[in-house]
């Protein structure tokens, strides 16, 4: 049911922002809408998601109405501080958003539009499992204003999907992509590498299958074993092997070669896009540290340096809003050192990189060594910007530690 919430300060019941917080209405604003429902729990997943047997009184059929209560609260909070502005990106994540009727997703999107406004050229993304995508669903979503679908492909190899507890068949991905394209949506596919029993040849097969779909965008993530997951327990009991770091490094290099060869451009550690306009603008907002409000149980938000997070369980989330209270469980304002660390961590991951002027003095002193080790692009660093090389991407934590002194 997701990792534990962070520690932080208490959040006020009315959701009000601190009196001394200055909200800049000129900063880009995004909306994240969390739909926490799944048919089954994948063995590797520690997201805040719930199957039917885990809902304990929460209801899927009233979820849209509940989330819209938080949208209305957010509108009041931001309007009171002069921070109400149109959303430039909207992202439905989960869970499996398309487990809800398309009409419910459309009503939630309408609520964002009516409360904040949505830019005419906004990117509006819905995540989907291949099994939940049909022509009727995507046509209704497109009519509601959705512009992009992110499809959870994960692998094209049946035994790898089984190891990940994914329920779809590989051929369903092609059907889902075709339906989304027919409705005029841009398409992203998500891949995971390093599953138990997955070989480099298996991964190459998945990459080739993904490129053959001609998507606008591909995300390729290394499998990470999270505490508390089924997969972590299986590894601890010796039932399946732990991911092999060297094999995952080889898989990353294969991803770079295959996706680049297929006409996609790397723009973030785990993301490739057909062109600049196909990059995930919503995720770029996270990496660049702009403002967003996360709606739904367990969702996180960020406005002008203030971060907060909602209670995790859908029943607790609904109960708070039914009482007219904010669902926020806690919040924090990171100090200057923490913000600097986050800036280096996030912005060195993207293709534009991080200006050296924003790197601490000790970190700037480490730059020549990082260039010599092939971890950052020497030409870009000399020109004043830190950008990871492929090897640097594989060792991103080590690079960040060096850059932050």
Protein backbone atom coordinates (compact mmCIF):
# COMPACT_ATOMS: atom_id res chain seq x y z
CA UNK A 1 0.00 0.00 0.00
CA UNK A 2 2.90 2.32 -0.60
CA UNK A 3 5.93 3.45 1.33
CA UNK A 4 5.53 5.25 4.64
CA UNK A 5 4.76 8.95 4.49
CA UNK A 6 7.67 11.27 5.33
CA UNK A 7 8.03 12.95 8.69
CA UNK A 8 7.12 16.60 8.77
CA UNK A 9 5.23 19.35 10.54
CA UNK A 10 1.48 19.13 11.15
CA UNK A 11 -0.68 20.49 8.34
CA UNK A 12 -3.58 22.81 9.20
CA UNK A 13 -7.08 21.39 8.90
CA UNK A 14 -8.13 24.16 6.51
CA UNK A 15 -5.15 23.59 4.19
CA UNK A 16 -4.05 27.22 4.45
CA UNK A 17 -0.54 28.08 3.29
CA UNK A 18 1.92 29.69 5.77
CA UNK A 19 1.41 33.42 6.16
CA UNK A 20 4.97 34.21 5.06
CA UNK A 21 4.87 32.04 1.94
CA UNK A 22 5.00 34.12 -1.23
CA UNK A 23 3.13 32.44 -4.09
CA UNK A 24 4.28 33.48 -7.56
CA UNK A 25 1.33 33.33 -9.98
CA UNK A 26 3.82 33.47 -12.84
CA UNK A 27 5.29 30.06 -11.97
CA UNK A 28 4.00 27.16 -14.06
CA UNK A 29 1.34 25.09 -12.29
CA UNK A 30 0.51 21.43 -12.77
CA UNK A 31 -2.18 19.15 -11.38
CA UNK A 32 -1.56 15.51 -10.49
CA UNK A 33 -4.69 13.38 -9.94
CA UNK A 34 -4.01 10.10 -8.17
CA UNK A 35 -6.34 7.17 -8.81
CA UNK A 36 -5.26 4.54 -6.25
CA UNK A 37 -7.11 1.47 -7.58
CA UNK A 38 -5.63 -1.68 -9.13
CA UNK A 39 -7.12 -5.05 -10.07
CA UNK A 40 -4.05 -6.85 -8.70
CA UNK A 41 -0.95 -5.73 -6.84
CA UNK A 42 2.24 -6.17 -8.85
CA UNK A 43 4.97 -7.82 -6.82
CA UNK A 44 7.47 -4.98 -7.28
CA UNK A 45 5.09 -2.07 -6.67
CA UNK A 46 5.18 0.09 -3.53
CA UNK A 47 2.99 2.88 -4.89
CA UNK A 48 0.00 3.96 -2.83
CA UNK A 49 -2.49 1.64 -4.54
CA UNK A 50 -5.29 -0.65 -3.37
CA UNK A 51 -7.08 -3.71 -4.70
CA UNK A 52 -10.77 -4.33 -4.00
CA UNK A 53 -9.99 -6.34 -0.85
CA UNK A 54 -7.85 -3.52 0.59
CA UNK A 55 -10.33 -0.64 0.32
CA UNK A 56 -11.88 -1.12 3.81
CA UNK A 57 -14.94 1.04 3.23
CA UNK A 58 -13.60 3.30 0.48
CA UNK A 59 -15.59 3.28 -2.76
CA UNK A 60 -14.49 3.53 -6.35
CA UNK A 61 -17.91 4.69 -7.55
CA UNK A 62 -17.78 7.89 -5.44
CA UNK A 63 -14.07 8.55 -5.79
CA UNK A 64 -14.40 11.25 -8.47
CA UNK A 65 -16.76 13.26 -6.27
CA UNK A 66 -14.40 12.93 -3.32
CA UNK A 67 -11.36 14.10 -5.29
CA UNK A 68 -13.33 17.06 -6.64
CA UNK A 69 -13.82 18.21 -3.04
CA UNK A 70 -10.04 18.53 -2.75
CA UNK A 71 -9.91 20.37 -6.09
CA UNK A 72 -12.41 22.90 -4.70
CA UNK A 73 -10.37 23.25 -1.49
CA UNK A 74 -7.19 23.86 -3.49
CA UNK A 75 -8.94 26.55 -5.48
CA UNK A 76 -9.96 28.36 -2.29
CA UNK A 77 -6.49 28.08 -0.75
CA UNK A 78 -4.65 29.38 -3.79
CA UNK A 79 -7.19 32.10 -4.55
CA UNK A 80 -6.76 33.43 -1.00
CA UNK A 81 -3.05 33.94 -1.72
CA UNK A 82 -3.30 35.24 -5.26
CA UNK A 83 -1.83 32.00 -6.57
CA UNK A 84 -4.73 30.72 -8.68
CA UNK A 85 -3.56 30.11 -12.26
CA UNK A 86 -4.33 27.78 -15.17
CA UNK A 87 -2.78 24.33 -15.22
CA UNK A 88 -0.20 23.85 -17.95
CA UNK A 89 -0.08 20.09 -17.32
CA UNK A 90 -2.51 17.56 -15.84
CA UNK A 91 -1.49 14.00 -15.07
CA UNK A 92 -3.77 11.12 -14.04
CA UNK A 93 -1.56 8.55 -12.30
CA UNK A 94 -2.05 5.53 -10.14
CA UNK A 95 -2.83 2.81 -9.65
CA UNK A 96 -4.76 2.36 -12.82
CA UNK A 97 -6.77 5.50 -13.66
CA UNK A 98 -8.60 3.69 -16.46
CA UNK A 99 -10.17 1.30 -13.95
CA UNK A 100 -12.58 4.18 -13.36
CA UNK A 101 -15.18 4.94 -16.02
CA UNK A 102 -13.88 7.42 -18.58
CA UNK A 103 -16.75 9.69 -17.57
CA UNK A 104 -15.36 9.91 -14.02
CA UNK A 105 -11.94 10.93 -15.31
CA UNK A 106 -13.62 13.49 -17.56
CA UNK A 107 -15.53 14.96 -14.59
CA UNK A 108 -12.30 15.27 -12.59
CA UNK A 109 -10.66 17.02 -15.52
CA UNK A 110 -13.66 19.34 -15.82
CA UNK A 111 -13.27 20.16 -12.12
CA UNK A 112 -9.66 21.21 -12.67
CA UNK A 113 -10.72 23.26 -15.69
CA UNK A 114 -13.53 25.02 -13.82
CA UNK A 115 -11.44 25.71 -10.70
CA UNK A 116 -8.05 26.69 -12.15
CA UNK A 117 -8.47 26.82 -15.88
CA UNK A 118 -6.36 24.71 -18.24
CA UNK A 119 -4.00 26.24 -20.80
CA UNK A 120 -5.12 25.86 -24.41
CA UNK A 121 -1.91 23.94 -25.22
CA UNK A 122 -1.82 21.97 -21.97
CA UNK A 123 -0.44 18.45 -21.82
CA UNK A 124 -3.08 16.15 -20.26
CA UNK A 125 -1.87 12.59 -19.62
CA UNK A 126 -3.67 9.45 -18.47
CA UNK A 127 -1.74 6.37 -17.37
CA UNK A 128 -3.28 3.07 -18.44
CA UNK A 129 -2.72 -0.66 -18.29
CA UNK A 130 -3.11 -2.21 -21.76
CA UNK A 131 -6.03 -4.37 -20.59
CA UNK A 132 -8.11 -1.29 -19.71
CA UNK A 133 -7.75 0.55 -23.03
CA UNK A 134 -10.47 0.34 -25.68
CA UNK A 135 -11.50 2.60 -28.58
CA UNK A 136 -14.57 3.80 -26.65
CA UNK A 137 -12.50 4.70 -23.58
CA UNK A 138 -9.84 6.67 -25.45
CA UNK A 139 -12.39 8.45 -27.63
CA UNK A 140 -14.25 9.65 -24.53
CA UNK A 141 -11.01 10.74 -22.88
CA UNK A 142 -9.87 12.60 -25.99
CA UNK A 143 -13.22 14.38 -26.19
CA UNK A 144 -12.78 15.46 -22.56
CA UNK A 145 -9.41 17.08 -23.32
CA UNK A 146 -6.87 14.32 -22.72
CA UNK A 147 -3.92 14.70 -25.11
CA UNK A 148 -1.58 11.89 -24.14
CA UNK A 149 -1.72 8.28 -22.90
CA UNK A 150 1.07 6.55 -20.99
CA UNK A 151 0.71 2.79 -21.44
CA UNK A 152 2.27 0.32 -19.00
CA UNK A 153 3.96 -2.06 -21.41
CA UNK A 154 6.80 -3.08 -19.01
CA UNK A 155 7.95 -5.99 -21.24
CA UNK A 156 7.16 -7.83 -24.46
CA UNK A 157 8.23 -11.19 -22.99
CA UNK A 158 5.56 -13.34 -21.26
CA UNK A 159 7.82 -14.84 -18.58
CA UNK A 160 9.08 -11.36 -17.63
CA UNK A 161 5.52 -10.06 -17.34
CA UNK A 162 4.73 -13.05 -15.13
CA UNK A 163 7.75 -12.32 -12.91
CA UNK A 164 6.43 -8.77 -12.48
CA UNK A 165 2.84 -10.02 -11.81
CA UNK A 166 1.56 -8.09 -14.82
CA UNK A 167 -1.74 -9.43 -16.11
CA UNK A 168 -1.78 -8.23 -19.72
CA UNK A 169 -0.60 -10.14 -22.77
CA UNK A 170 2.12 -8.56 -24.94
CA UNK A 171 -0.22 -8.25 -27.94
CA UNK A 172 -2.59 -6.07 -25.89
CA UNK A 173 -0.02 -3.29 -25.93
CA UNK A 174 -0.19 -2.94 -29.70
CA UNK A 175 -4.00 -2.85 -29.54
CA UNK A 176 -3.93 -0.16 -26.84
CA UNK A 177 -1.42 1.98 -28.76
CA UNK A 178 -3.51 1.71 -31.94
CA UNK A 179 -6.66 2.78 -30.08
CA UNK A 180 -4.92 5.79 -28.53
CA UNK A 181 -3.46 6.86 -31.87
CA UNK A 182 -6.83 6.51 -33.61
CA UNK A 183 -8.28 8.93 -31.04
CA UNK A 184 -5.54 11.46 -31.80
CA UNK A 185 -3.58 11.00 -28.58
CA UNK A 186 0.18 11.06 -28.22
CA UNK A 187 1.53 7.78 -26.87
CA UNK A 188 4.19 6.94 -24.30
CA UNK A 189 5.11 3.39 -23.30
CA UNK A 190 6.71 2.43 -19.98
CA UNK A 191 9.30 -0.34 -19.69
CA UNK A 192 11.00 -1.98 -16.69
CA UNK A 193 14.29 -3.86 -16.89
CA UNK A 194 16.08 -6.20 -14.50
CA UNK A 195 13.17 -8.47 -13.52
CA UNK A 196 14.01 -11.90 -12.06
CA UNK A 197 14.92 -14.23 -14.90
CA UNK A 198 15.11 -11.49 -17.54
CA UNK A 199 18.12 -11.85 -19.83
CA UNK A 200 19.76 -9.19 -21.98
CA UNK A 201 18.18 -10.92 -24.98
CA UNK A 202 14.73 -10.65 -23.35
CA UNK A 203 15.30 -6.95 -22.79
CA UNK A 204 16.47 -6.44 -26.37
CA UNK A 205 13.26 -8.10 -27.55
CA UNK A 206 11.17 -5.70 -25.45
CA UNK A 207 13.07 -2.67 -26.72
CA UNK A 208 12.64 -3.77 -30.33
CA UNK A 209 8.92 -4.29 -29.73
CA UNK A 210 8.61 -0.83 -28.17
CA UNK A 211 10.40 0.86 -31.08
CA UNK A 212 8.18 -1.03 -33.55
CA UNK A 213 5.14 0.66 -31.95
CA UNK A 214 6.60 4.06 -33.05
CA UNK A 215 5.68 5.77 -29.76
CA UNK A 216 6.20 9.46 -29.15
CA UNK A 217 7.91 8.74 -25.83
CA UNK A 218 9.48 5.85 -23.92
CA UNK A 219 10.28 5.56 -20.22
CA UNK A 220 12.68 2.76 -19.25
CA UNK A 221 13.18 2.18 -15.53
CA UNK A 222 15.54 -0.17 -13.73
CA UNK A 223 13.69 -2.46 -11.33
CA UNK A 224 14.26 -1.33 -7.75
CA UNK A 225 13.45 -3.67 -4.89
CA UNK A 226 11.38 -1.77 -2.34
CA UNK A 227 11.00 -2.93 1.26
CA UNK A 228 7.61 -4.40 2.04
CA UNK A 229 6.83 -5.61 -1.47
CA UNK A 230 6.10 -9.19 -2.47
CA UNK A 231 9.24 -9.24 -4.61
CA UNK A 232 11.41 -8.11 -1.67
CA UNK A 233 10.04 -11.00 0.39
CA UNK A 234 10.67 -13.47 -2.44
CA UNK A 235 14.29 -12.32 -2.74
CA UNK A 236 14.80 -12.47 1.01
CA UNK A 237 13.53 -16.06 1.06
CA UNK A 238 15.82 -16.99 -1.84
CA UNK A 239 12.91 -17.80 -4.18
CA UNK A 240 14.12 -15.44 -6.92
CA UNK A 241 17.45 -13.69 -7.52
CA UNK A 242 18.05 -10.04 -6.73
CA UNK A 243 18.66 -7.72 -9.68
CA UNK A 244 22.21 -7.81 -11.02
CA UNK A 245 23.73 -4.31 -11.13
CA UNK A 246 26.11 -5.14 -13.97
CA UNK A 247 23.33 -6.68 -16.05
CA UNK A 248 21.11 -3.65 -15.43
CA UNK A 249 23.96 -1.39 -16.59
CA UNK A 250 24.24 -3.44 -19.79
CA UNK A 251 20.47 -3.18 -20.19
CA UNK A 252 20.61 0.59 -19.83
CA UNK A 253 23.26 0.85 -22.51
CA UNK A 254 21.18 -1.37 -24.77
CA UNK A 255 18.18 0.89 -24.17
CA UNK A 256 20.19 3.96 -25.17
CA UNK A 257 21.43 2.30 -28.34
CA UNK A 258 18.09 0.84 -29.42
CA UNK A 259 15.90 3.81 -28.58
CA UNK A 260 18.29 6.33 -30.11
CA UNK A 261 18.56 4.11 -33.18
CA UNK A 262 14.77 4.08 -33.32
CA UNK A 263 14.58 7.87 -33.58
CA UNK A 264 14.05 8.77 -29.93
CA UNK A 265 16.21 11.32 -28.10
CA UNK A 266 17.41 10.94 -24.53
CA UNK A 267 16.31 13.88 -22.38
CA UNK A 268 16.28 12.54 -18.79
CA UNK A 269 18.00 9.64 -17.06
CA UNK A 270 15.16 7.20 -17.81
CA UNK A 271 13.25 8.95 -20.59
CA UNK A 272 13.46 9.31 -24.37
CA UNK A 273 11.20 11.32 -26.70
CA UNK A 274 10.64 11.57 -30.46
CA UNK A 275 11.23 15.31 -30.31
CA UNK A 276 11.27 18.19 -27.84
CA UNK A 277 7.49 18.60 -28.01
CA UNK A 278 7.03 14.92 -27.11
CA UNK A 279 8.85 15.14 -23.78
CA UNK A 280 6.75 14.71 -20.64
CA UNK A 281 6.15 18.31 -19.66
CA UNK A 282 4.51 17.25 -16.40
CA UNK A 283 7.51 15.24 -15.24
CA UNK A 284 9.87 18.00 -16.38
CA UNK A 285 8.00 20.29 -13.98
CA UNK A 286 8.97 17.95 -11.12
CA UNK A 287 12.61 17.89 -12.18
CA UNK A 288 12.68 21.67 -12.58
CA UNK A 289 10.94 22.33 -9.25
CA UNK A 290 7.92 24.35 -10.41
CA UNK A 291 4.52 24.23 -8.65
CA UNK A 292 2.02 21.39 -8.61
CA UNK A 293 -0.90 20.24 -6.48
CA UNK A 294 -1.30 16.50 -6.00
CA UNK A 295 -4.91 15.40 -5.52
CA UNK A 296 -5.84 12.05 -4.02
CA UNK A 297 -4.74 9.78 -1.16
CA UNK A 298 -0.99 9.82 -0.60
CA UNK A 299 -0.44 12.50 -3.26
CA UNK A 300 2.35 15.04 -2.75
CA UNK A 301 2.24 18.75 -3.61
CA UNK A 302 4.74 21.59 -3.96
CA UNK A 303 4.06 25.34 -4.02
CA UNK A 304 6.79 27.96 -3.64
CA UNK A 305 9.13 25.67 -1.70
CA UNK A 306 6.43 24.25 0.60
CA UNK A 307 5.80 20.50 0.29
CA UNK A 308 2.91 18.54 1.73
CA UNK A 309 1.40 15.07 1.41
CA UNK A 310 -2.04 13.60 1.89
CA UNK A 311 -3.19 10.79 4.16
CA UNK A 312 -2.62 7.47 2.43
CA UNK A 313 -5.77 5.37 2.67
CA UNK A 314 -8.73 6.27 0.42
CA UNK A 315 -11.15 5.87 3.34
CA UNK A 316 -9.20 8.29 5.54
CA UNK A 317 -8.88 10.68 2.60
CA UNK A 318 -12.65 10.63 1.99
CA UNK A 319 -13.42 11.06 5.69
CA UNK A 320 -11.26 14.19 5.97
CA UNK A 321 -12.91 15.83 2.99
CA UNK A 322 -16.40 14.83 4.16
CA UNK A 323 -15.69 16.82 7.35
CA UNK A 324 -14.63 19.81 5.26
CA UNK A 325 -10.97 19.34 6.23
CA UNK A 326 -7.81 19.22 4.18
CA UNK A 327 -6.55 15.68 3.57
CA UNK A 328 -2.95 16.82 4.14
CA UNK A 329 -1.15 14.63 6.69
CA UNK A 330 1.98 16.75 7.04
CA UNK A 331 4.21 19.30 5.36
CA UNK A 332 7.75 20.71 5.30
CA UNK A 333 9.83 23.61 4.01
CA UNK A 334 13.28 22.26 3.14
CA UNK A 335 16.18 24.44 4.20
CA UNK A 336 18.68 25.95 1.77
CA UNK A 337 21.06 22.97 1.95
CA UNK A 338 18.28 20.48 1.23
CA UNK A 339 16.97 22.55 -1.65
CA UNK A 340 20.43 22.77 -3.14
CA UNK A 341 20.86 18.99 -2.92
CA UNK A 342 17.49 18.47 -4.62
CA UNK A 343 18.37 20.95 -7.36
CA UNK A 344 21.63 19.17 -8.17
CA UNK A 345 19.96 15.76 -7.98
CA UNK A 346 17.07 16.62 -10.27
CA UNK A 347 18.41 19.12 -12.78
CA UNK A 348 21.63 17.26 -13.56
CA UNK A 349 19.38 14.40 -14.72
CA UNK A 350 17.92 16.30 -17.65
CA UNK A 351 19.43 17.14 -21.02
CA UNK A 352 19.57 20.90 -20.37
CA UNK A 353 21.62 20.22 -17.25
CA UNK A 354 22.40 22.45 -14.30
CA UNK A 355 24.31 25.76 -14.48
CA UNK A 356 27.63 25.48 -12.67
CA UNK A 357 26.78 28.72 -10.88
CA UNK A 358 24.14 26.75 -8.94
CA UNK A 359 26.64 24.10 -7.82
CA UNK A 360 28.32 24.67 -4.41
CA UNK A 361 31.99 25.69 -4.46
CA UNK A 362 33.17 22.27 -3.24
CA UNK A 363 31.13 20.66 -5.99
CA UNK A 364 32.62 22.93 -8.66
CA UNK A 365 36.06 21.86 -7.49
CA UNK A 366 35.05 18.25 -8.17
CA UNK A 367 34.07 18.95 -11.80
CA UNK A 368 37.50 18.29 -13.40
CA UNK A 369 37.62 14.86 -11.77
CA UNK A 370 34.10 14.05 -12.92
CA UNK A 371 35.06 15.05 -16.47
CA UNK A 372 38.19 12.88 -16.31
CA UNK A 373 36.15 9.92 -15.05
CA UNK A 374 33.69 10.33 -17.92
CA UNK A 375 30.75 11.02 -15.60
CA UNK A 376 29.75 14.45 -16.89
CA UNK A 377 29.99 15.95 -20.36
CA UNK A 378 33.29 17.81 -20.45
CA UNK A 379 32.36 20.22 -23.26
CA UNK A 380 29.10 21.15 -21.57
CA UNK A 381 30.80 21.60 -18.20
CA UNK A 382 33.44 23.90 -19.70
CA UNK A 383 30.58 25.88 -21.26
CA UNK A 384 29.05 26.21 -17.79
CA UNK A 385 26.46 23.43 -17.54
CA UNK A 386 26.55 20.09 -15.75
CA UNK A 387 25.03 17.24 -17.80
CA UNK A 388 25.47 13.54 -17.04
CA UNK A 389 27.12 11.27 -19.57
CA UNK A 390 25.71 7.77 -20.05
CA UNK A 391 28.17 6.45 -17.47
CA UNK A 392 27.22 9.32 -15.19
CA UNK A 393 23.57 8.34 -15.48
CA UNK A 394 24.46 4.86 -14.26
CA UNK A 395 26.22 6.41 -11.25
CA UNK A 396 23.95 9.40 -10.69
CA UNK A 397 24.01 9.21 -6.88
CA UNK A 398 27.82 9.24 -6.84
CA UNK A 399 27.88 12.22 -9.18
CA UNK A 400 25.42 14.15 -7.01
CA UNK A 401 27.49 13.43 -3.89
CA UNK A 402 30.59 14.79 -5.65
CA UNK A 403 28.80 17.88 -6.92
CA UNK A 404 27.35 18.74 -3.52
CA UNK A 405 30.66 18.35 -1.71
